[in-house]
């Protein structure tokens, strides 16, 4: 019973309803990837605005937010390259490096790993690290 009350109090039903509606629209219009790409653009804009407002309030840049923006941007580019552009088969390691699209996918994978490591370092060295529930 407590879980049900918490579900409605935190308004998770709004998120689930919106996700279901977006999914139905994406399937009905056969535009799943396009909707995902535009949602990632929207998330990028939200994070950039959040970083600017945080800078204006606290007079410091939160590197974690900027790293999140670059992670989302890289994921968006990765999705575009894998799903929309790449029509080639990878049969060998040589085929991976001979195609520029596959090479870009490999580079984006490395950038994602680097950004996730950078994000972990940003969290570990953050001045707010000892203050988990301060917000």
N, C-alpha and C. Protein backbone atom coordinates (compact mmCIF):
# COMPACT_ATOMS: atom_id res chain seq x y z
N UNK A 1 0.82 -1.20 0.00
CA UNK A 1 0.00 0.00 0.00
C UNK A 1 0.87 1.27 0.00
N UNK A 2 1.96 1.20 0.75
CA UNK A 2 2.86 2.35 0.84
C UNK A 2 3.50 2.67 -0.52
N UNK A 3 3.79 1.61 -1.29
CA UNK A 3 4.36 1.83 -2.62
C UNK A 3 3.38 2.52 -3.55
N UNK A 4 2.14 2.19 -3.46
CA UNK A 4 1.12 2.81 -4.31
C UNK A 4 0.97 4.28 -3.95
N UNK A 5 0.93 4.58 -2.67
CA UNK A 5 0.83 5.97 -2.23
C UNK A 5 2.05 6.76 -2.68
N UNK A 6 3.23 6.17 -2.54
CA UNK A 6 4.47 6.83 -2.97
C UNK A 6 4.48 7.04 -4.48
N UNK A 7 3.94 6.07 -5.23
CA UNK A 7 3.88 6.17 -6.68
C UNK A 7 3.08 7.40 -7.11
N UNK A 8 1.93 7.63 -6.49
CA UNK A 8 1.10 8.77 -6.86
C UNK A 8 1.59 10.08 -6.25
N UNK A 9 2.22 10.02 -5.09
CA UNK A 9 2.74 11.24 -4.48
C UNK A 9 3.94 11.80 -5.26
N UNK A 10 4.79 10.93 -5.75
CA UNK A 10 5.95 11.38 -6.52
C UNK A 10 5.61 11.65 -7.98
N UNK A 11 4.39 11.39 -8.36
CA UNK A 11 3.87 11.66 -9.71
C UNK A 11 4.61 10.88 -10.80
N UNK A 12 5.02 9.65 -10.48
CA UNK A 12 5.62 8.79 -11.48
C UNK A 12 4.62 8.43 -12.57
N UNK A 13 3.35 8.46 -12.25
CA UNK A 13 2.33 8.12 -13.24
C UNK A 13 2.35 9.10 -14.41
N UNK A 14 2.75 10.36 -14.16
CA UNK A 14 2.87 11.32 -15.26
C UNK A 14 4.00 10.93 -16.21
N UNK A 15 5.14 10.53 -15.65
CA UNK A 15 6.26 10.11 -16.47
C UNK A 15 5.93 8.87 -17.28
N UNK A 16 5.28 7.91 -16.63
CA UNK A 16 4.92 6.67 -17.33
C UNK A 16 3.91 6.95 -18.42
N UNK A 17 2.93 7.79 -18.13
CA UNK A 17 1.91 8.13 -19.13
C UNK A 17 2.55 8.83 -20.32
N UNK A 18 3.42 9.79 -20.08
CA UNK A 18 4.10 10.50 -21.17
C UNK A 18 4.97 9.55 -21.98
N UNK A 19 5.69 8.65 -21.32
CA UNK A 19 6.55 7.70 -22.03
C UNK A 19 5.71 6.75 -22.90
N UNK A 20 4.58 6.29 -22.38
CA UNK A 20 3.70 5.40 -23.15
C UNK A 20 3.13 6.13 -24.36
N UNK A 21 2.70 7.37 -24.17
CA UNK A 21 2.15 8.16 -25.29
C UNK A 21 3.22 8.38 -26.36
N UNK A 22 4.43 8.77 -25.94
CA UNK A 22 5.52 8.97 -26.91
C UNK A 22 5.86 7.67 -27.63
N UNK A 23 5.85 6.57 -26.92
CA UNK A 23 6.15 5.28 -27.54
C UNK A 23 5.08 4.91 -28.56
N UNK A 24 3.82 5.10 -28.23
CA UNK A 24 2.73 4.79 -29.15
C UNK A 24 2.81 5.66 -30.39
N UNK A 25 3.08 6.96 -30.21
CA UNK A 25 3.22 7.86 -31.34
C UNK A 25 4.42 7.45 -32.21
N UNK A 26 5.53 7.09 -31.58
CA UNK A 26 6.72 6.69 -32.32
C UNK A 26 6.47 5.42 -33.13
N UNK A 27 5.80 4.46 -32.54
CA UNK A 27 5.51 3.22 -33.25
C UNK A 27 4.50 3.46 -34.37
N UNK A 28 3.47 4.26 -34.09
CA UNK A 28 2.43 4.52 -35.08
C UNK A 28 2.97 5.29 -36.28
N UNK A 29 3.91 6.20 -36.04
CA UNK A 29 4.45 7.00 -37.14
C UNK A 29 5.76 6.44 -37.69
N UNK A 30 6.21 5.32 -37.13
CA UNK A 30 7.46 4.67 -37.55
C UNK A 30 8.63 5.65 -37.47
N UNK A 31 8.70 6.39 -36.37
CA UNK A 31 9.76 7.39 -36.20
C UNK A 31 10.41 7.29 -34.82
N UNK A 32 10.67 6.08 -34.39
CA UNK A 32 11.24 5.86 -33.06
C UNK A 32 12.60 6.55 -32.92
N UNK A 33 13.50 6.34 -33.87
CA UNK A 33 14.84 6.91 -33.78
C UNK A 33 14.79 8.43 -33.83
N UNK A 34 13.94 8.98 -34.68
CA UNK A 34 13.83 10.43 -34.79
C UNK A 34 13.36 11.04 -33.48
N UNK A 35 12.38 10.43 -32.85
CA UNK A 35 11.88 10.94 -31.57
C UNK A 35 12.97 10.83 -30.50
N UNK A 36 13.71 9.74 -30.49
CA UNK A 36 14.80 9.58 -29.52
C UNK A 36 15.86 10.66 -29.73
N UNK A 37 16.21 10.92 -30.98
CA UNK A 37 17.22 11.93 -31.28
C UNK A 37 16.76 13.31 -30.83
N UNK A 38 15.51 13.66 -31.10
CA UNK A 38 15.01 14.97 -30.68
C UNK A 38 14.86 15.06 -29.16
N UNK A 39 14.54 13.97 -28.50
CA UNK A 39 14.49 13.98 -27.04
C UNK A 39 15.89 14.19 -26.45
N UNK A 40 16.89 13.60 -27.10
CA UNK A 40 18.27 13.82 -26.64
C UNK A 40 18.70 15.28 -26.85
N UNK A 41 18.29 15.88 -27.97
CA UNK A 41 18.53 17.32 -28.17
C UNK A 41 17.89 18.12 -27.05
N UNK A 42 16.67 17.77 -26.70
CA UNK A 42 15.95 18.48 -25.63
C UNK A 42 16.69 18.34 -24.31
N UNK A 43 17.19 17.14 -24.01
CA UNK A 43 17.94 16.93 -22.78
C UNK A 43 19.23 17.74 -22.76
N UNK A 44 19.88 17.86 -23.92
CA UNK A 44 21.09 18.66 -24.01
C UNK A 44 20.78 20.11 -23.68
N UNK A 45 19.70 20.64 -24.25
CA UNK A 45 19.33 22.03 -23.96
C UNK A 45 18.99 22.21 -22.48
N UNK A 46 18.27 21.27 -21.89
CA UNK A 46 17.95 21.37 -20.46
C UNK A 46 19.21 21.40 -19.61
N UNK A 47 20.17 20.54 -19.93
CA UNK A 47 21.40 20.48 -19.13
C UNK A 47 22.24 21.75 -19.31
N UNK A 48 22.27 22.30 -20.50
CA UNK A 48 23.03 23.53 -20.72
C UNK A 48 22.40 24.68 -19.94
N UNK A 49 21.08 24.79 -19.99
CA UNK A 49 20.39 25.83 -19.22
C UNK A 49 20.63 25.63 -17.73
N UNK A 50 20.60 24.38 -17.30
CA UNK A 50 20.86 24.07 -15.88
C UNK A 50 22.27 24.49 -15.48
N UNK A 51 23.25 24.27 -16.36
CA UNK A 51 24.63 24.66 -16.06
C UNK A 51 24.77 26.18 -15.98
N UNK A 52 24.12 26.89 -16.89
CA UNK A 52 24.20 28.36 -16.88
C UNK A 52 23.53 28.93 -15.65
N UNK A 53 22.35 28.43 -15.31
CA UNK A 53 21.65 28.92 -14.12
C UNK A 53 22.44 28.59 -12.86
N UNK A 54 23.02 27.39 -12.81
CA UNK A 54 23.86 27.03 -11.67
C UNK A 54 25.07 27.93 -11.54
N UNK A 55 25.65 28.31 -12.68
CA UNK A 55 26.78 29.22 -12.64
C UNK A 55 26.36 30.60 -12.15
N UNK A 56 25.21 31.08 -12.59
CA UNK A 56 24.75 32.40 -12.16
C UNK A 56 24.41 32.41 -10.68
N UNK A 57 23.87 31.33 -10.15
CA UNK A 57 23.52 31.27 -8.73
C UNK A 57 24.73 31.09 -7.83
N UNK A 58 25.57 30.10 -8.17
CA UNK A 58 26.65 29.70 -7.27
C UNK A 58 28.01 30.27 -7.63
N UNK A 59 28.11 30.95 -8.78
CA UNK A 59 29.37 31.52 -9.25
C UNK A 59 30.45 30.46 -9.42
N UNK A 60 30.02 29.25 -9.81
CA UNK A 60 30.97 28.19 -10.14
C UNK A 60 30.32 27.27 -11.17
N UNK A 61 31.15 26.64 -11.95
CA UNK A 61 30.67 25.73 -12.98
C UNK A 61 30.70 24.32 -12.42
N UNK A 62 29.60 23.63 -12.56
CA UNK A 62 29.56 22.24 -12.13
C UNK A 62 29.98 21.38 -13.32
N UNK A 63 31.18 20.86 -13.24
CA UNK A 63 31.74 20.07 -14.33
C UNK A 63 30.89 18.84 -14.61
N UNK A 64 30.28 18.28 -13.58
CA UNK A 64 29.46 17.08 -13.75
C UNK A 64 28.33 17.33 -14.73
N UNK A 65 27.71 18.50 -14.67
CA UNK A 65 26.60 18.82 -15.57
C UNK A 65 27.12 18.95 -17.00
N UNK A 66 28.26 19.59 -17.19
CA UNK A 66 28.82 19.73 -18.53
C UNK A 66 29.24 18.38 -19.10
N UNK A 67 29.78 17.52 -18.26
CA UNK A 67 30.14 16.18 -18.72
C UNK A 67 28.89 15.41 -19.12
N UNK A 68 27.81 15.58 -18.35
CA UNK A 68 26.53 14.94 -18.72
C UNK A 68 26.06 15.41 -20.09
N UNK A 69 26.21 16.70 -20.38
CA UNK A 69 25.83 17.23 -21.69
C UNK A 69 26.64 16.55 -22.78
N UNK A 70 27.94 16.43 -22.58
CA UNK A 70 28.77 15.81 -23.61
C UNK A 70 28.47 14.31 -23.74
N UNK A 71 28.12 13.65 -22.64
CA UNK A 71 27.73 12.24 -22.73
C UNK A 71 26.46 12.09 -23.56
N UNK A 72 25.48 12.94 -23.30
CA UNK A 72 24.23 12.88 -24.06
C UNK A 72 24.47 13.20 -25.53
N UNK A 73 25.31 14.21 -25.79
CA UNK A 73 25.63 14.58 -27.17
C UNK A 73 26.34 13.44 -27.89
N UNK A 74 27.28 12.80 -27.22
CA UNK A 74 28.00 11.68 -27.81
C UNK A 74 27.06 10.49 -28.05
N UNK A 75 26.17 10.22 -27.10
CA UNK A 75 25.19 9.16 -27.30
C UNK A 75 24.30 9.44 -28.50
N UNK A 76 23.91 10.70 -28.67
CA UNK A 76 23.08 11.07 -29.81
C UNK A 76 23.83 10.82 -31.11
N UNK A 77 25.09 11.26 -31.18
CA UNK A 77 25.88 11.03 -32.38
C UNK A 77 26.11 9.53 -32.61
N UNK A 78 26.32 8.80 -31.54
CA UNK A 78 26.51 7.35 -31.64
C UNK A 78 25.26 6.70 -32.24
N UNK A 79 24.09 7.08 -31.75
CA UNK A 79 22.83 6.53 -32.25
C UNK A 79 22.64 6.89 -33.72
N UNK A 80 22.92 8.12 -34.08
CA UNK A 80 22.78 8.54 -35.49
C UNK A 80 23.72 7.72 -36.37
N UNK A 81 24.96 7.55 -35.96
CA UNK A 81 25.92 6.80 -36.77
C UNK A 81 25.59 5.32 -36.85
N UNK A 82 25.15 4.73 -35.77
CA UNK A 82 24.87 3.30 -35.77
C UNK A 82 23.58 2.99 -36.51
N UNK A 83 22.53 3.74 -36.25
CA UNK A 83 21.22 3.38 -36.77
C UNK A 83 20.90 4.03 -38.11
N UNK A 84 21.17 5.31 -38.24
CA UNK A 84 20.74 6.02 -39.45
C UNK A 84 21.73 5.95 -40.59
N UNK A 85 23.02 6.03 -40.30
CA UNK A 85 24.01 6.15 -41.37
C UNK A 85 24.63 4.81 -41.74
N UNK A 86 24.95 4.00 -40.75
CA UNK A 86 25.73 2.80 -40.97
C UNK A 86 24.89 1.71 -41.65
N UNK A 87 25.29 1.35 -42.85
CA UNK A 87 24.63 0.26 -43.59
C UNK A 87 25.65 -0.81 -43.98
N UNK A 88 26.80 -0.78 -43.34
CA UNK A 88 27.89 -1.67 -43.72
C UNK A 88 28.00 -2.84 -42.76
N UNK A 89 28.50 -3.94 -43.27
CA UNK A 89 28.72 -5.14 -42.47
C UNK A 89 30.17 -5.16 -41.98
N UNK A 90 30.36 -5.64 -40.77
CA UNK A 90 31.71 -5.76 -40.22
C UNK A 90 32.04 -7.25 -40.14
N UNK A 91 32.90 -7.69 -41.07
CA UNK A 91 33.29 -9.10 -41.09
C UNK A 91 34.67 -9.32 -40.50
N UNK A 92 35.47 -8.27 -40.46
CA UNK A 92 36.82 -8.41 -39.93
C UNK A 92 37.23 -7.09 -39.28
N UNK A 93 38.37 -7.14 -38.61
CA UNK A 93 38.89 -5.93 -37.98
C UNK A 93 39.31 -4.91 -39.04
N UNK A 94 39.77 -5.39 -40.19
CA UNK A 94 40.15 -4.50 -41.28
C UNK A 94 38.93 -3.74 -41.83
N UNK A 95 37.79 -4.42 -41.90
CA UNK A 95 36.56 -3.76 -42.37
C UNK A 95 36.12 -2.66 -41.41
N UNK A 96 36.40 -2.85 -40.13
CA UNK A 96 36.05 -1.84 -39.13
C UNK A 96 36.83 -0.55 -39.37
N UNK A 97 38.11 -0.67 -39.69
CA UNK A 97 38.94 0.51 -39.87
C UNK A 97 38.90 1.07 -41.29
N UNK A 98 38.44 0.30 -42.26
CA UNK A 98 38.42 0.80 -43.64
C UNK A 98 37.21 1.69 -43.92
N UNK A 99 36.15 1.52 -43.16
CA UNK A 99 34.95 2.35 -43.35
C UNK A 99 35.00 3.55 -42.42
N UNK A 100 34.76 4.73 -42.96
CA UNK A 100 34.80 5.93 -42.12
C UNK A 100 33.67 5.94 -41.11
N UNK A 101 32.50 5.42 -41.48
CA UNK A 101 31.38 5.38 -40.54
C UNK A 101 31.67 4.46 -39.37
N UNK A 102 32.20 3.28 -39.67
CA UNK A 102 32.56 2.36 -38.59
C UNK A 102 33.68 2.91 -37.73
N UNK A 103 34.61 3.63 -38.34
CA UNK A 103 35.69 4.24 -37.58
C UNK A 103 35.12 5.31 -36.65
N UNK A 104 34.14 6.10 -37.11
CA UNK A 104 33.50 7.10 -36.25
C UNK A 104 32.79 6.43 -35.08
N UNK A 105 32.14 5.31 -35.33
CA UNK A 105 31.48 4.57 -34.25
C UNK A 105 32.50 4.13 -33.21
N UNK A 106 33.64 3.64 -33.67
CA UNK A 106 34.70 3.23 -32.76
C UNK A 106 35.21 4.42 -31.95
N UNK A 107 35.39 5.56 -32.59
CA UNK A 107 35.85 6.77 -31.89
C UNK A 107 34.81 7.21 -30.86
N UNK A 108 33.52 7.23 -31.25
CA UNK A 108 32.46 7.62 -30.30
C UNK A 108 32.42 6.67 -29.11
N UNK A 109 32.67 5.40 -29.33
CA UNK A 109 32.71 4.44 -28.22
C UNK A 109 33.84 4.80 -27.25
N UNK A 110 35.00 5.11 -27.79
CA UNK A 110 36.12 5.51 -26.93
C UNK A 110 35.84 6.80 -26.19
N UNK A 111 35.21 7.75 -26.87
CA UNK A 111 34.86 9.02 -26.22
C UNK A 111 33.86 8.78 -25.09
N UNK A 112 32.89 7.90 -25.31
CA UNK A 112 31.92 7.59 -24.25
C UNK A 112 32.60 6.99 -23.03
N UNK A 113 33.50 6.05 -23.25
CA UNK A 113 34.22 5.45 -22.12
C UNK A 113 35.02 6.53 -21.39
N UNK A 114 35.72 7.40 -22.13
CA UNK A 114 36.48 8.48 -21.52
C UNK A 114 35.58 9.41 -20.72
N UNK A 115 34.41 9.78 -21.28
CA UNK A 115 33.51 10.70 -20.57
C UNK A 115 32.93 10.07 -19.31
N UNK A 116 32.64 8.77 -19.35
CA UNK A 116 32.14 8.12 -18.14
C UNK A 116 33.21 8.06 -17.06
N UNK A 117 34.46 7.83 -17.45
CA UNK A 117 35.56 7.86 -16.47
C UNK A 117 35.73 9.28 -15.93
N UNK A 118 35.66 10.27 -16.80
CA UNK A 118 35.75 11.67 -16.39
C UNK A 118 34.62 12.04 -15.43
N UNK A 119 33.42 11.55 -15.71
CA UNK A 119 32.28 11.83 -14.84
C UNK A 119 32.49 11.20 -13.46
N UNK A 120 33.03 10.00 -13.43
CA UNK A 120 33.30 9.34 -12.16
C UNK A 120 34.31 10.17 -11.36
N UNK A 121 35.37 10.66 -12.03
CA UNK A 121 36.35 11.51 -11.35
C UNK A 121 35.72 12.82 -10.87
N UNK A 122 34.81 13.38 -11.66
CA UNK A 122 34.15 14.62 -11.26
C UNK A 122 33.29 14.40 -10.01
N UNK A 123 32.65 13.26 -9.93
CA UNK A 123 31.84 12.95 -8.74
C UNK A 123 32.74 12.72 -7.54
N UNK A 124 33.83 11.99 -7.73
CA UNK A 124 34.73 11.67 -6.62
C UNK A 124 35.45 12.90 -6.07
N UNK A 125 35.71 13.89 -6.92
CA UNK A 125 36.45 15.06 -6.48
C UNK A 125 35.56 16.27 -6.24
N UNK A 126 34.25 16.09 -6.30
CA UNK A 126 33.32 17.21 -6.13
C UNK A 126 33.33 17.72 -4.70
N UNK A 127 33.23 19.04 -4.51
CA UNK A 127 33.13 19.59 -3.15
C UNK A 127 31.84 19.16 -2.46
N UNK A 128 30.83 18.77 -3.24
CA UNK A 128 29.55 18.34 -2.68
C UNK A 128 29.50 16.85 -2.41
N UNK A 129 30.60 16.16 -2.54
CA UNK A 129 30.62 14.68 -2.42
C UNK A 129 30.18 14.22 -1.04
N UNK A 130 30.55 14.92 -0.01
CA UNK A 130 30.20 14.51 1.35
C UNK A 130 28.78 14.95 1.73
N UNK A 131 28.11 15.61 0.84
CA UNK A 131 26.79 16.14 1.12
C UNK A 131 25.79 15.54 0.15
N UNK A 132 25.42 14.26 0.35
CA UNK A 132 24.56 13.57 -0.61
C UNK A 132 23.13 14.08 -0.59
N UNK A 133 22.60 14.43 0.55
CA UNK A 133 21.19 14.82 0.65
C UNK A 133 21.02 16.30 0.97
N UNK A 134 21.94 17.13 0.50
CA UNK A 134 21.87 18.54 0.82
C UNK A 134 20.86 19.31 -0.03
N UNK A 135 20.52 18.80 -1.17
CA UNK A 135 19.65 19.56 -2.09
C UNK A 135 18.21 19.48 -1.74
